[in-house]
Structure formats: structure tokens, C-alpha cells
Amino acid sequence: METFCDILRAIGAGAEKPTHIMYKANLSWTVMQLYIKSLEAQGLVIASSDDGKRLYHLSDKGFQLLNQFLTIREDLNLHHES
């Protein structure tokens, strides 16, 4: 769950390109691709293309989930270094 949220947080913070998401979420390329596909399938992340380059954005549902996760983590006083 943390990994999904790390990816959502990276995208929500402005990372659009796969390599930027990978570095911000501290993941390997292969792992990041698997998680991104899952997030797309769930309608949390939307992929677009710009000059043949793939870019990712959060859907409204993705923003809602990210905000819920951050609120819960804050309520539990859990701090995640990233």
C-alpha cells in the first residue's frame, strides 16, 4: 500500500515522466511499471502522450485516495521519509 501511495504522491507532486516518478518513489523501473499499470487499471492514474512520450497524471479518484491516505497517516502520526 505504501508503494502505491508513494507513486500517487510523486505524481501528485508534479512528476509526470516515468523516470521522475521512479526516482521520487524510489523504485526500480520494472516495479514502477507494474504498479503504474495497476493504478491505471483502477482508474487512479491517467496516462497521456506528448510527442510520443508517456506522461502520467492523477485522476480525481487518485487525488481523493491520496488525500485520504495522507489524512490517515497524519492521524496515526506515521511519518514516511521520501
Protein backbone atom coordinates (compact mmCIF):
# COMPACT_ATOMS: atom_id res chain seq x y z
CA MET A 1 0.00 0.00 0.00
CA GLU A 2 2.86 2.38 0.81
CA THR A 3 4.34 1.86 -2.65
CA PHE A 4 1.04 2.67 -4.37
CA CYS A 5 0.77 5.81 -2.27
CA ASP A 6 4.40 6.77 -2.92
CA ILE A 7 3.65 6.68 -6.65
CA LEU A 8 0.41 8.64 -6.24
CA ARG A 9 2.25 11.20 -4.12
CA ALA A 10 5.07 11.54 -6.68
CA ILE A 11 2.59 12.13 -9.49
CA GLY A 12 0.51 14.47 -7.34
CA ALA A 13 3.66 16.48 -6.58
CA GLY A 14 4.23 17.09 -10.27
CA ALA A 15 6.24 14.12 -11.53
CA GLU A 16 4.76 13.21 -14.92
CA LYS A 17 7.51 11.32 -16.66
CA PRO A 18 8.06 7.65 -15.75
CA THR A 19 11.71 8.18 -14.79
CA HIS A 20 10.82 11.08 -12.50
CA ILE A 21 8.10 9.01 -10.82
CA MET A 22 10.53 6.10 -10.45
CA TYR A 23 13.15 8.27 -8.70
CA LYS A 24 10.70 10.16 -6.48
CA ALA A 25 9.04 6.90 -5.37
CA ASN A 26 12.46 5.23 -5.00
CA LEU A 27 11.55 2.22 -7.15
CA SER A 28 13.17 0.12 -9.83
CA TRP A 29 11.92 0.57 -13.38
CA THR A 30 10.25 -2.88 -13.51
CA VAL A 31 8.47 -2.48 -10.17
CA MET A 32 7.29 1.03 -11.04
CA GLN A 33 5.81 -0.17 -14.34
CA LEU A 34 3.85 -2.95 -12.61
CA TYR A 35 2.42 -0.55 -10.04
CA ILE A 36 1.58 2.11 -12.64
CA LYS A 37 -0.33 -0.45 -14.72
CA SER A 38 -2.31 -1.46 -11.65
CA LEU A 39 -3.07 2.17 -10.76
CA GLU A 40 -4.20 2.81 -14.35
CA ALA A 41 -6.46 -0.27 -14.28
CA GLN A 42 -8.06 1.02 -11.08
CA GLY A 43 -8.67 4.44 -12.62
CA LEU A 44 -6.36 6.24 -10.20
CA VAL A 45 -3.76 7.29 -12.76
CA ILE A 46 -4.31 8.52 -16.32
CA ALA A 47 -1.65 8.12 -19.00
CA SER A 48 -1.27 10.58 -21.85
CA SER A 49 1.20 11.03 -24.67
CA ASP A 50 3.20 14.13 -25.54
CA ASP A 51 5.39 13.89 -28.64
CA GLY A 52 5.44 10.11 -28.23
CA LYS A 53 6.47 10.32 -24.57
CA ARG A 54 4.24 8.82 -21.93
CA LEU A 55 3.11 11.12 -19.13
CA TYR A 56 1.05 10.28 -16.05
CA HIS A 57 -1.49 12.32 -14.11
CA LEU A 58 -3.75 11.57 -11.17
CA SER A 59 -7.44 11.15 -11.85
CA ASP A 60 -9.94 12.76 -9.48
CA LYS A 61 -10.27 9.36 -7.82
CA GLY A 62 -6.46 9.21 -7.49
CA PHE A 63 -6.36 12.62 -5.78
CA GLN A 64 -9.14 11.55 -3.40
CA LEU A 65 -7.35 8.35 -2.45
CA LEU A 66 -4.04 10.14 -1.95
CA ASN A 67 -5.67 12.74 0.30
CA GLN A 68 -7.39 10.00 2.33
CA PHE A 69 -4.10 8.15 2.77
CA LEU A 70 -2.24 11.28 3.84
CA THR A 71 -5.00 12.16 6.32
CA ILE A 72 -4.98 8.67 7.83
CA ARG A 73 -1.19 8.66 8.08
CA GLU A 74 -1.26 12.06 9.74
CA ASP A 75 -3.99 10.94 12.17
CA LEU A 76 -1.87 7.94 13.13
CA ASN A 77 1.23 10.12 13.42
CA LEU A 78 3.07 7.96 10.89
CA HIS A 79 5.85 9.74 9.08
CA HIS A 80 7.35 8.40 5.89
CA GLU A 81 10.68 9.63 4.63
CA SER A 82 10.89 10.11 0.90
